[in-house]
């Protein structure tokens, strides 16, 4: 009998990055970061 486990990862790069003082991402930058992380 085999069981398959599903693992889900959550990345907070964008959220944590924008909480840093003086950091703000444009929508295209956010899309680029998300694509890079995938």
N, C-alpha and C. Protein backbone atom coordinates (compact mmCIF):
# COMPACT_ATOMS: atom_id res chain seq x y z
N UNK A 1 0.85 -1.18 0.00
CA UNK A 1 0.00 0.00 0.00
C UNK A 1 0.89 1.24 0.00
N UNK A 2 0.67 2.12 -0.93
CA UNK A 2 1.46 3.35 -0.97
C UNK A 2 0.57 4.54 -0.66
N UNK A 3 1.15 5.49 0.02
CA UNK A 3 0.39 6.71 0.31
C UNK A 3 1.14 7.90 -0.26
N UNK A 4 0.40 8.84 -0.75
CA UNK A 4 0.98 10.04 -1.32
C UNK A 4 0.66 11.21 -0.40
N UNK A 5 1.69 11.90 0.00
CA UNK A 5 1.50 13.07 0.86
C UNK A 5 1.71 14.32 0.02
N UNK A 6 0.88 15.29 0.24
CA UNK A 6 0.98 16.56 -0.47
C UNK A 6 1.68 17.56 0.44
N UNK A 7 2.71 18.18 -0.07
CA UNK A 7 3.45 19.19 0.67
C UNK A 7 3.19 20.54 0.04
N UNK A 8 2.87 21.52 0.86
CA UNK A 8 2.60 22.87 0.37
C UNK A 8 3.59 23.83 1.01
N UNK A 9 4.28 24.60 0.19
CA UNK A 9 5.23 25.60 0.68
C UNK A 9 4.64 26.99 0.52
N UNK A 10 4.87 27.82 1.50
CA UNK A 10 4.41 29.21 1.44
C UNK A 10 5.65 30.10 1.48
N UNK A 11 5.77 30.98 0.50
CA UNK A 11 6.91 31.89 0.45
C UNK A 11 6.42 33.29 0.75
N UNK A 12 7.13 33.97 1.64
CA UNK A 12 6.71 35.32 2.06
C UNK A 12 7.68 36.40 1.58
N UNK A 13 8.42 36.10 0.52
CA UNK A 13 9.42 37.05 0.01
C UNK A 13 8.82 38.42 -0.28
N UNK A 14 7.73 38.45 -1.02
CA UNK A 14 7.13 39.74 -1.39
C UNK A 14 6.59 40.46 -0.16
N UNK A 15 5.86 39.76 0.68
CA UNK A 15 5.28 40.39 1.87
C UNK A 15 6.37 40.91 2.80
N UNK A 16 7.34 40.05 3.12
CA UNK A 16 8.40 40.46 4.03
C UNK A 16 9.26 41.57 3.43
N UNK A 17 9.52 41.46 2.13
CA UNK A 17 10.33 42.49 1.47
C UNK A 17 9.69 43.85 1.53
N UNK A 18 8.39 43.91 1.30
CA UNK A 18 7.70 45.20 1.31
C UNK A 18 7.49 45.75 2.71
N UNK A 19 7.67 44.93 3.73
CA UNK A 19 7.57 45.42 5.10
C UNK A 19 8.88 46.05 5.57
N UNK A 20 9.91 45.94 4.74
CA UNK A 20 11.20 46.56 5.05
C UNK A 20 11.11 48.05 4.72
N UNK A 21 11.56 48.87 5.63
CA UNK A 21 11.49 50.31 5.43
C UNK A 21 12.19 50.72 4.15
N UNK A 22 11.51 51.52 3.32
CA UNK A 22 12.08 52.03 2.09
C UNK A 22 11.97 51.10 0.89
N UNK A 23 11.35 49.94 1.08
CA UNK A 23 11.22 48.97 -0.02
C UNK A 23 9.79 48.99 -0.55
N UNK A 24 9.67 49.10 -1.86
CA UNK A 24 8.37 49.06 -2.51
C UNK A 24 8.55 48.44 -3.89
N UNK A 25 7.78 47.41 -4.20
CA UNK A 25 7.87 46.75 -5.49
C UNK A 25 6.74 47.23 -6.40
N UNK A 26 7.06 47.45 -7.67
CA UNK A 26 6.03 47.76 -8.65
C UNK A 26 5.33 46.44 -9.04
N UNK A 27 4.14 46.52 -9.61
CA UNK A 27 3.48 45.29 -10.04
C UNK A 27 4.34 44.42 -10.97
N UNK A 28 5.05 44.99 -11.96
CA UNK A 28 5.91 44.15 -12.80
C UNK A 28 7.04 43.49 -12.00
N UNK A 29 7.58 44.20 -11.01
CA UNK A 29 8.63 43.61 -10.17
C UNK A 29 8.07 42.45 -9.35
N UNK A 30 6.87 42.62 -8.82
CA UNK A 30 6.23 41.55 -8.06
C UNK A 30 6.02 40.32 -8.94
N UNK A 31 5.55 40.54 -10.16
CA UNK A 31 5.32 39.43 -11.09
C UNK A 31 6.63 38.73 -11.41
N UNK A 32 7.69 39.49 -11.61
CA UNK A 32 9.00 38.91 -11.92
C UNK A 32 9.52 38.08 -10.75
N UNK A 33 9.38 38.59 -9.54
CA UNK A 33 9.82 37.84 -8.36
C UNK A 33 9.03 36.54 -8.24
N UNK A 34 7.72 36.62 -8.41
CA UNK A 34 6.88 35.43 -8.31
C UNK A 34 7.27 34.39 -9.36
N UNK A 35 7.50 34.83 -10.60
CA UNK A 35 7.89 33.90 -11.66
C UNK A 35 9.24 33.27 -11.35
N UNK A 36 10.16 34.05 -10.80
CA UNK A 36 11.48 33.53 -10.46
C UNK A 36 11.40 32.47 -9.37
N UNK A 37 10.52 32.69 -8.40
CA UNK A 37 10.38 31.73 -7.30
C UNK A 37 9.73 30.42 -7.73
N UNK A 38 8.95 30.48 -8.79
CA UNK A 38 8.30 29.25 -9.27
C UNK A 38 9.30 28.40 -10.01
